[in-house]
Amino acid sequence: MKKFKKIVVVYKGDDWRKKLPLEKHPSTRESFEDWHERGLARGVEMFRASIQWYDEKKNVFRKTWAYRNKKWLKIDQPIKPDLIFDKIAGKFDYDLFEQKIRINRRVKIFNSPLFRTIFDNKLNQYIIFKDFMPASYLADSKKDLLEGLKKIRSKKVVLKPFYGSGGFGITITEKKKAVSLKLEYPILVQEFVKSNKGVPGFSEKNEVADLRMVFFNHKLIYALSRIAKKGSLFTNFHQGATAVLVPGKNIPQSAKKIASEITGKMKIFPQANYSIDLIYSDAGKPVLMEVNTTPGFDLLHIVGDEKIKNKNFLELTKVLE
């Protein structure tokens, strides 16, 4: 009988009493259902589990979720992983760092705990990639905020927490209004990049759209453009944006060039999964907005074709080798 490799995707929190995992995020759940089915067809059993369910002494997860035969099952027998795929929110990186390092000595964690801790933090991203990003300033207090605003050249300003995804927690406002906001420090105070051109040579006229390039083990797997809903400046899917796949031939050379320089700084980690989010200024310059070390599968599930979905999954299985 063929022995299946086991990959456990980990998150934080206990959802064992729920009827389904990811109850409030059906599009994300459906993308994982696809992965579980795709895995079985390739000799890989996929599971989902809270990191709290991991038994360090026995190197097993005491319980897990699994999608089998079109149903989510609660597996209450121990599962010994061959690989752990870390999908825990970045805000827990420091809290869980020592635990992840201990686990990583027993079974490989992908992405590496070191990779996550370094690149999840938006302040770290600016320190490492500032040559490609809008001017940004650290604010530990309202006094720092005022000093940062003096240096911002744009009329609008972007205020970012160090962690987060989906656009949640980010504020885009007029500079004069920023001082009256109730903010939780520390934050990143960032210049606003005016962008109404989308992806050059691809987007519709006057679209507010970005370019997300998704990498597995530093190989570009696919790219998509996220288009903000009318009246919004947010290109995040969870803020109402839509997405379209961008064929390789339509990715501007300027985007490929900046992505090559960014990935070059990350290759000290031979294996990693991440996305690079770019926008084009009205002057036609690509600007890095952020690197995401836990790019979601939901958009790929919605807009990707079978070839790209397979390519994406097969890159994960190479981490098992």
Protein backbone atom coordinates (compact mmCIF):
# COMPACT_ATOMS: atom_id res chain seq x y z
CA MET A 1 0.00 0.00 0.00
CA LYS A 2 1.31 3.44 -0.97
CA LYS A 3 2.32 5.52 2.04
CA PHE A 4 0.98 9.05 1.85
CA LYS A 5 3.06 11.99 3.04
CA LYS A 6 1.27 14.19 5.55
CA ILE A 7 1.22 18.00 5.46
CA VAL A 8 -0.47 19.87 8.29
CA VAL A 9 -1.45 23.52 7.77
CA VAL A 10 -1.33 25.27 11.14
CA TYR A 11 -3.18 28.28 12.49
CA LYS A 12 -3.77 29.75 15.95
CA GLY A 13 -6.98 29.35 17.91
CA ASP A 14 -9.28 26.47 18.80
CA ASP A 15 -12.15 25.83 16.38
CA TRP A 16 -12.74 22.19 17.30
CA ARG A 17 -16.32 22.85 18.44
CA LYS A 18 -17.23 24.51 15.16
CA LYS A 19 -19.20 22.60 12.55
CA LEU A 20 -16.72 23.65 9.86
CA PRO A 21 -13.30 25.23 9.81
CA LEU A 22 -13.14 28.81 8.51
CA GLU A 23 -16.88 29.25 9.01
CA LYS A 24 -16.74 32.99 8.35
CA HIS A 25 -14.40 32.67 5.35
CA PRO A 26 -16.08 30.35 2.81
CA SER A 27 -13.84 31.34 -0.11
CA THR A 28 -10.73 30.49 1.91
CA ARG A 29 -12.28 27.22 3.08
CA GLU A 30 -13.10 26.24 -0.51
CA SER A 31 -9.52 26.88 -1.57
CA PHE A 32 -8.28 24.51 1.14
CA GLU A 33 -10.84 21.93 0.09
CA ASP A 34 -9.28 22.06 -3.35
CA TRP A 35 -5.81 21.55 -1.83
CA HIS A 36 -6.94 18.55 0.22
CA GLU A 37 -8.40 16.90 -2.89
CA ARG A 38 -5.41 17.87 -5.03
CA GLY A 39 -3.10 16.36 -2.42
CA LEU A 40 -4.83 12.98 -2.31
CA ALA A 41 -4.49 12.71 -6.08
CA ARG A 42 -0.72 13.15 -5.67
CA GLY A 43 0.01 10.96 -2.67
CA VAL A 44 -0.20 13.74 -0.07
CA GLU A 45 -2.66 13.88 2.81
CA MET A 46 -3.49 17.46 3.81
CA PHE A 47 -4.74 18.40 7.28
CA ARG A 48 -5.58 21.60 9.18
CA ALA A 49 -4.80 22.04 12.88
CA SER A 50 -4.27 24.60 15.59
CA ILE A 51 -0.68 24.82 16.76
CA GLN A 52 -2.19 24.32 20.23
CA TRP A 53 -3.01 20.73 19.26
CA TYR A 54 0.63 19.81 18.67
CA ASP A 55 2.21 17.45 21.20
CA GLU A 56 5.92 18.34 21.30
CA LYS A 57 6.98 15.19 23.15
CA LYS A 58 5.33 12.80 20.71
CA ASN A 59 5.71 14.97 17.60
CA VAL A 60 2.07 14.53 16.66
CA PHE A 61 -1.06 16.61 16.36
CA ARG A 62 -3.57 15.21 18.82
CA LYS A 63 -6.45 16.15 16.50
CA THR A 64 -6.89 17.68 13.06
CA TRP A 65 -9.42 18.67 10.41
CA ALA A 66 -9.39 16.90 7.03
CA TYR A 67 -11.52 17.29 3.90
CA ARG A 68 -12.40 13.89 2.50
CA ASN A 69 -15.13 12.79 0.07
CA LYS A 70 -16.63 16.30 -0.05
CA LYS A 71 -16.94 16.56 3.74
CA TRP A 72 -14.89 18.12 6.54
CA LEU A 73 -14.01 15.50 9.14
CA LYS A 74 -12.69 15.84 12.69
CA ILE A 75 -9.79 13.43 13.03
CA ASP A 76 -9.34 12.63 16.71
CA GLN A 77 -6.41 10.23 16.30
CA PRO A 78 -2.78 11.42 16.34
CA ILE A 79 -1.32 12.64 13.05
CA LYS A 80 2.46 12.68 12.68
CA PRO A 81 3.35 15.35 10.09
CA ASP A 82 6.04 15.12 7.43
CA LEU A 83 5.77 18.88 6.97
CA ILE A 84 4.04 21.74 8.77
CA PHE A 85 2.85 24.63 6.59
CA ASP A 86 2.69 27.77 8.75
CA LYS A 87 -0.38 29.92 8.07
CA ILE A 88 -0.50 31.58 11.49
CA ALA A 89 -1.12 35.35 11.46
CA GLY A 90 2.13 37.31 11.59
CA LYS A 91 1.13 39.21 14.74
CA PHE A 92 1.87 36.01 16.68
CA ASP A 93 5.40 35.57 15.26
CA TYR A 94 7.22 36.71 18.38
CA ASP A 95 4.84 35.04 20.83
CA LEU A 96 5.23 31.68 19.13
CA PHE A 97 8.81 31.98 17.91
CA GLU A 98 10.49 29.77 20.52
CA GLN A 99 7.77 27.14 20.21
CA LYS A 100 8.09 27.09 16.42
CA ILE A 101 11.88 26.75 16.66
CA ARG A 102 11.48 23.76 18.99
CA ILE A 103 8.94 22.17 16.65
CA ASN A 104 11.18 22.88 13.65
CA ARG A 105 13.88 20.73 15.24
CA ARG A 106 11.49 17.77 15.14
CA VAL A 107 9.67 18.40 11.86
CA LYS A 108 10.23 20.97 9.15
CA ILE A 109 8.10 24.11 9.28
CA PHE A 110 7.45 25.93 6.02
CA ASN A 111 7.75 28.94 5.88
CA SER A 112 10.72 28.95 8.25
CA PRO A 113 10.03 30.63 11.62
CA LEU A 114 13.02 32.88 10.96
CA PHE A 115 11.66 33.83 7.54
CA ARG A 116 8.25 34.69 8.99
CA THR A 117 9.64 36.71 11.89
CA ILE A 118 11.91 38.77 9.66
CA PHE A 119 9.58 39.44 6.73
CA ASP A 120 6.09 39.61 8.27
CA ASN A 121 6.79 42.86 10.08
CA LYS A 122 6.03 45.89 7.87
CA LEU A 123 8.69 47.96 9.63
CA ASN A 124 11.26 45.27 8.84
CA GLN A 125 10.04 45.25 5.26
CA TYR A 126 10.69 48.97 4.96
CA ILE A 127 14.15 48.66 6.48
CA ILE A 128 15.06 45.88 4.02
CA PHE A 129 13.21 47.09 0.91
CA LYS A 130 13.08 50.87 1.38
CA ASP A 131 14.64 51.50 -2.05
CA PHE A 132 11.46 50.13 -3.64
CA MET A 133 8.84 51.53 -1.23
CA PRO A 134 7.13 54.86 -0.53
CA ALA A 135 8.91 57.06 2.04
CA SER A 136 7.91 55.80 5.49
CA TYR A 137 8.47 56.91 9.07
CA LEU A 138 8.16 55.16 12.41
CA ALA A 139 5.71 56.70 14.88
CA ASP A 140 5.85 55.54 18.49
CA SER A 141 3.70 58.44 19.68
CA LYS A 142 1.59 61.36 18.49
CA LYS A 143 4.71 63.53 18.59
CA ASP A 144 6.43 61.11 16.18
CA LEU A 145 3.33 61.12 13.99
CA LEU A 146 3.45 64.92 13.70
CA GLU A 147 7.15 64.80 12.79
CA GLY A 148 6.51 62.13 10.19
CA LEU A 149 3.62 64.07 8.65
CA LYS A 150 5.90 67.08 8.15
CA LYS A 151 8.15 64.92 5.95
CA ILE A 152 5.34 63.35 3.91
CA ARG A 153 5.07 65.08 0.54
CA SER A 154 1.71 63.67 -0.56
CA LYS A 155 -1.61 65.27 0.46
CA LYS A 156 -2.86 61.94 1.69
CA VAL A 157 -1.04 59.66 4.12
CA VAL A 158 -1.18 55.91 4.78
CA LEU A 159 -1.06 54.75 8.41
CA LYS A 160 -0.16 51.08 8.84
CA PRO A 161 0.12 48.74 11.81
CA PHE A 162 3.18 46.49 11.63
CA TYR A 163 1.03 43.38 11.18
CA GLY A 164 -2.17 42.58 9.39
CA SER A 165 -3.61 41.48 6.08
CA GLY A 166 -6.64 42.15 3.95
CA GLY A 167 -6.21 45.89 4.38
CA PHE A 168 -7.62 45.68 7.91
CA GLY A 169 -6.18 48.26 10.29
CA ILE A 170 -4.80 50.45 7.50
CA THR A 171 -6.00 54.05 7.28
CA ILE A 172 -5.73 56.27 4.21
CA THR A 173 -6.60 59.86 5.01
CA GLU A 174 -5.77 63.52 4.43
CA LYS A 175 -2.67 64.57 6.38
CA LYS A 176 -4.55 67.28 8.25
CA LYS A 177 -7.08 64.72 9.49
CA ALA A 178 -4.47 62.18 10.63
CA VAL A 179 -3.57 64.12 13.79
CA SER A 180 -7.10 63.86 15.17
CA LEU A 181 -7.37 60.10 14.75
CA LYS A 182 -7.26 57.74 17.70
CA LEU A 183 -4.33 55.47 16.83
CA GLU A 184 -2.66 52.51 18.48
CA TYR A 185 1.10 53.01 18.33
CA PRO A 186 3.60 52.05 17.02
CA ILE A 187 2.61 52.57 13.41
CA LEU A 188 4.24 53.19 10.05
CA VAL A 189 3.52 56.60 8.51
CA GLN A 190 3.79 56.24 4.76
CA GLU A 191 3.53 58.50 1.73
CA PHE A 192 0.44 57.96 -0.40
CA VAL A 193 1.19 56.90 -3.98
CA LYS A 194 -1.38 58.27 -6.41
CA SER A 195 -2.26 55.47 -8.81
CA ASN A 196 -5.05 55.45 -11.36
CA LYS A 197 -3.29 53.50 -14.11
CA GLY A 198 -3.41 49.97 -12.77
CA VAL A 199 -1.01 47.59 -14.50
CA PRO A 200 0.48 49.27 -17.60
CA GLY A 201 -0.60 47.62 -20.83
CA PHE A 202 -3.11 45.39 -19.05
CA SER A 203 -5.58 47.26 -16.81
CA GLU A 204 -8.64 49.16 -17.98
CA LYS A 205 -8.39 52.94 -18.10
CA ASN A 206 -8.48 54.71 -14.73
CA GLU A 207 -8.58 51.51 -12.69
CA VAL A 208 -7.25 51.54 -9.15
CA ALA A 209 -5.50 48.18 -9.31
CA ASP A 210 -2.33 46.52 -8.10
CA LEU A 211 -0.13 43.69 -9.30
CA ARG A 212 0.39 40.72 -7.00
CA MET A 213 3.18 38.34 -7.97
CA VAL A 214 3.16 35.04 -6.07
CA PHE A 215 6.36 33.06 -5.55
CA PHE A 216 7.05 29.53 -4.38
CA ASN A 217 10.69 28.79 -3.62
CA HIS A 218 11.58 32.08 -5.35
CA LYS A 219 9.94 31.02 -8.62
CA LEU A 220 7.15 33.18 -9.99
CA ILE A 221 4.13 30.87 -10.05
CA TYR A 222 1.42 33.31 -11.09
CA ALA A 223 0.41 36.96 -11.04
CA LEU A 224 -2.92 38.64 -10.65
CA SER A 225 -4.29 42.16 -10.52
CA ARG A 226 -6.64 43.14 -7.74
CA ILE A 227 -9.07 45.88 -8.74
CA ALA A 228 -10.52 48.18 -6.07
CA LYS A 229 -14.28 48.56 -5.96
CA LYS A 230 -15.62 51.88 -7.17
CA GLY A 231 -14.80 54.73 -4.79
CA SER A 232 -12.25 52.69 -2.82
CA LEU A 233 -8.47 52.97 -2.65
CA PHE A 234 -8.07 49.43 -1.26
CA THR A 235 -7.16 46.61 -3.65
CA ASN A 236 -7.62 43.91 -1.00
CA PHE A 237 -10.03 41.07 -1.74
CA HIS A 238 -11.48 41.34 1.75
CA GLN A 239 -12.19 45.03 1.13
CA GLY A 240 -14.41 44.28 -1.85
CA ALA A 241 -11.80 44.18 -4.62
CA THR A 242 -12.05 41.77 -7.54
CA ALA A 243 -9.18 39.98 -9.23
CA VAL A 244 -8.07 38.87 -12.67
CA LEU A 245 -5.19 36.62 -13.63
CA VAL A 246 -2.32 38.43 -15.35
CA PRO A 247 -0.65 36.22 -18.00
CA GLY A 248 3.13 36.16 -17.89
CA LYS A 249 3.38 38.02 -21.20
CA ASN A 250 1.40 40.92 -19.68
CA ILE A 251 3.62 41.39 -16.62
CA PRO A 252 5.62 44.57 -17.28
CA GLN A 253 9.39 44.17 -17.47
CA SER A 254 9.72 46.90 -14.83
CA ALA A 255 7.71 44.72 -12.42
CA LYS A 256 9.86 41.68 -13.19
CA LYS A 257 13.00 43.71 -12.59
CA ILE A 258 11.97 45.07 -9.19
CA ALA A 259 10.67 41.62 -8.17
CA SER A 260 14.04 40.10 -9.08
CA GLU A 261 15.82 42.56 -6.80
CA ILE A 262 13.39 41.92 -3.95
CA THR A 263 13.58 38.11 -4.22
CA GLY A 264 17.37 38.38 -4.36
CA LYS A 265 17.33 39.69 -0.80
CA MET A 266 15.18 36.77 0.35
CA LYS A 267 17.10 33.88 -1.20
CA ILE A 268 19.16 33.32 1.93
CA PHE A 269 16.10 31.17 2.70
CA PRO A 270 16.19 28.54 -0.09
CA GLN A 271 12.50 27.68 0.29
CA ALA A 272 9.67 30.12 0.92
CA ASN A 273 6.18 31.07 -0.21
CA TYR A 274 5.31 34.77 -0.46
CA SER A 275 3.77 37.44 -2.63
CA ILE A 276 5.06 40.81 -3.78
CA ASP A 277 2.41 43.53 -4.09
CA LEU A 278 3.20 46.40 -6.45
CA ILE A 279 1.30 49.45 -7.62
CA TYR A 280 2.20 51.75 -10.46
CA SER A 281 2.39 55.47 -9.72
CA ASP A 282 0.79 57.91 -12.15
CA ALA A 283 4.36 58.51 -13.37
CA GLY A 284 4.51 54.85 -14.42
CA LYS A 285 6.93 53.67 -11.72
CA PRO A 286 6.38 50.34 -9.92
CA VAL A 287 6.29 50.76 -6.14
CA LEU A 288 6.42 47.97 -3.56
CA MET A 289 3.53 48.18 -1.10
CA GLU A 290 4.29 45.05 0.88
CA VAL A 291 5.53 41.49 0.96
CA ASN A 292 3.05 38.91 2.23
CA THR A 293 4.45 35.68 3.72
CA THR A 294 1.04 34.00 3.89
CA PRO A 295 -0.56 34.76 0.51
CA GLY A 296 -4.06 33.35 0.43
CA PHE A 297 -5.21 30.58 -1.89
CA ASP A 298 -8.71 31.98 -2.27
CA LEU A 299 -8.00 34.29 -5.22
CA LEU A 300 -6.03 31.58 -7.00
CA HIS A 301 -8.97 29.22 -6.48
CA ILE A 302 -11.33 31.80 -7.99
CA VAL A 303 -9.33 33.06 -10.99
CA GLY A 304 -6.60 30.45 -11.56
CA ASP A 305 -6.67 27.79 -14.23
CA GLU A 306 -5.91 24.12 -13.60
CA LYS A 307 -2.33 24.39 -14.86
CA ILE A 308 -1.43 27.17 -12.42
CA LYS A 309 -3.21 25.50 -9.49
CA ASN A 310 -1.24 22.32 -10.12
CA LYS A 311 2.03 24.22 -10.46
CA ASN A 312 1.38 26.01 -7.17
CA PHE A 313 0.61 22.79 -5.30
CA LEU A 314 3.53 20.85 -6.78
CA GLU A 315 5.96 23.49 -5.51
CA LEU A 316 4.75 22.77 -1.99
CA THR A 317 5.30 19.04 -2.44
CA LYS A 318 8.92 19.75 -3.45
CA VAL A 319 9.48 21.04 0.09
CA LEU A 320 8.86 17.47 1.25
CA GLU A 321 11.80 16.17 -0.78
